[in-house]
Amino acid sequence: MTFVVTDLCIKCKYTDCVEVCPVDCFYEGENMLVIHPDECIDCGVCEPECPIEAIIPDTEAEADKWLELNRKYAEEWPVLTRQKDPLPDADKYKDTPNKYEDFFSPTPGEGD
């Protein structure tokens, strides 16, 4: 089992989860984070740290569509091992629906 980041993270990019991850399996895109499913050790400490509940276990039905996105972009984006400030409009976008369709960016973030 692993955890995955869903589209709730898009346009927010809170990094509270990164700070507690013991294996540094978060990767940073321009406007969201992903978890590398092969590096995640299923400890679960990241899930309660996300203030917008964007992290879910891969056992949830909706996780299937996010698992491959997390895997793909974890291979392309830089690792992030430290907490950063959320995106400037994070509070504005935290409850926005259809974030993947409307706002997803495949562009890598800065990483560490």
Protein backbone atom coordinates (compact mmCIF):
# COMPACT_ATOMS: atom_id res chain seq x y z
CA MET A 1 0.00 0.00 0.00
CA THR A 2 1.03 3.58 -0.57
CA PHE A 3 -0.43 7.04 -0.26
CA VAL A 4 -1.19 9.34 -3.18
CA VAL A 5 -1.73 13.05 -3.63
CA THR A 6 -4.99 14.00 -5.33
CA ASP A 7 -6.00 17.06 -7.32
CA LEU A 8 -7.00 18.86 -4.12
CA CYS A 9 -3.32 19.82 -3.86
CA ILE A 10 -3.35 21.68 -7.17
CA LYS A 11 -3.02 25.47 -6.81
CA CYS A 12 -2.42 25.06 -3.05
CA LYS A 13 0.77 23.02 -2.54
CA TYR A 14 0.81 22.96 1.25
CA THR A 15 3.99 21.17 2.27
CA ASP A 16 3.25 20.23 5.88
CA CYS A 17 3.32 16.61 4.66
CA VAL A 18 6.87 16.91 3.34
CA GLU A 19 8.20 17.99 6.71
CA VAL A 20 7.10 14.74 8.40
CA CYS A 21 7.97 12.24 5.66
CA PRO A 22 10.76 9.93 6.91
CA VAL A 23 11.75 8.71 3.44
CA ASP A 24 11.62 11.86 1.30
CA CYS A 25 9.15 10.48 -1.25
CA PHE A 26 7.49 13.80 -2.17
CA TYR A 27 8.20 15.41 -5.53
CA GLU A 28 7.37 18.97 -6.49
CA GLY A 29 5.55 20.21 -9.54
CA GLU A 30 4.83 23.81 -10.40
CA ASN A 31 1.47 23.76 -8.63
CA MET A 32 1.16 20.44 -6.75
CA LEU A 33 3.08 17.67 -5.03
CA VAL A 34 3.11 13.93 -5.73
CA ILE A 35 4.26 10.88 -3.77
CA HIS A 36 6.50 8.28 -5.39
CA PRO A 37 4.50 5.09 -4.77
CA ASP A 38 7.58 2.85 -4.88
CA GLU A 39 9.37 4.94 -2.24
CA CYS A 40 6.43 5.46 0.14
CA ILE A 41 6.68 3.11 3.14
CA ASP A 42 3.01 3.47 4.08
CA CYS A 43 3.76 5.00 7.46
CA GLY A 44 0.77 7.33 7.09
CA VAL A 45 2.26 10.31 8.91
CA CYS A 46 1.72 12.59 5.93
CA GLU A 47 -2.03 12.06 5.58
CA PRO A 48 -3.18 13.88 8.76
CA GLU A 49 -0.69 16.70 8.14
CA CYS A 50 -2.37 17.84 4.93
CA PRO A 51 -4.67 20.74 5.87
CA ILE A 52 -6.94 20.14 2.85
CA GLU A 53 -6.99 16.31 2.90
CA ALA A 54 -5.30 15.96 -0.48
CA ILE A 55 -3.47 12.77 0.56
CA ILE A 56 -5.32 9.46 0.54
CA PRO A 57 -4.32 5.78 0.83
CA ASP A 58 -4.28 3.87 -2.44
CA THR A 59 -6.91 1.54 -1.01
CA GLU A 60 -9.62 4.17 -1.51
CA ALA A 61 -11.61 3.77 -4.73
CA GLU A 62 -10.75 7.21 -6.08
CA ALA A 63 -7.01 6.61 -5.57
CA ASP A 64 -6.64 4.54 -8.75
CA LYS A 65 -6.73 7.54 -11.05
CA TRP A 66 -4.15 9.38 -8.93
CA LEU A 67 -1.71 6.50 -8.48
CA GLU A 68 -0.38 6.61 -12.04
CA LEU A 69 -0.23 10.42 -12.04
CA ASN A 70 1.82 10.30 -8.84
CA ARG A 71 4.11 7.62 -10.28
CA LYS A 72 4.62 9.44 -13.60
CA TYR A 73 5.44 12.84 -12.15
CA ALA A 74 7.54 11.50 -9.27
CA GLU A 75 9.85 10.23 -12.01
CA GLU A 76 9.97 13.64 -13.73
CA TRP A 77 9.83 16.22 -10.94
CA PRO A 78 12.52 17.10 -8.35
CA VAL A 79 12.39 15.68 -4.85
CA LEU A 80 11.22 18.01 -2.08
CA THR A 81 12.51 17.29 1.42
CA ARG A 82 11.68 20.48 3.30
CA GLN A 83 8.62 22.52 4.06
CA LYS A 84 7.95 25.61 1.94
CA ASP A 85 5.25 28.23 2.00
CA PRO A 86 2.05 27.25 0.18
CA LEU A 87 1.21 28.94 -3.10
CA PRO A 88 0.07 32.57 -2.63
CA ASP A 89 -3.58 31.86 -3.51
CA ALA A 90 -3.80 28.51 -1.70
CA ASP A 91 -6.66 29.54 0.57
CA LYS A 92 -8.60 30.88 -2.39
CA TYR A 93 -8.31 27.59 -4.33
CA LYS A 94 -8.51 24.99 -1.56
CA ASP A 95 -12.21 24.27 -2.14
CA THR A 96 -12.25 24.70 -5.93
CA PRO A 97 -13.70 21.72 -7.86
CA ASN A 98 -12.23 20.20 -11.05
CA LYS A 99 -8.73 21.36 -10.29
CA TYR A 100 -7.04 18.72 -12.43
CA GLU A 101 -9.02 19.59 -15.54
CA ASP A 102 -8.74 23.33 -15.02
CA PHE A 103 -5.33 23.94 -13.45
CA PHE A 104 -2.92 20.96 -13.53
CA SER A 105 0.57 21.82 -14.76
CA PRO A 106 3.10 19.14 -15.77
CA THR A 107 5.92 21.67 -15.27
CA PRO A 108 8.43 20.67 -12.58
CA GLY A 109 8.78 22.70 -9.42
CA GLU A 110 12.04 23.89 -7.90
CA GLY A 111 12.63 21.01 -5.46
CA ASP A 112 15.05 21.55 -2.62
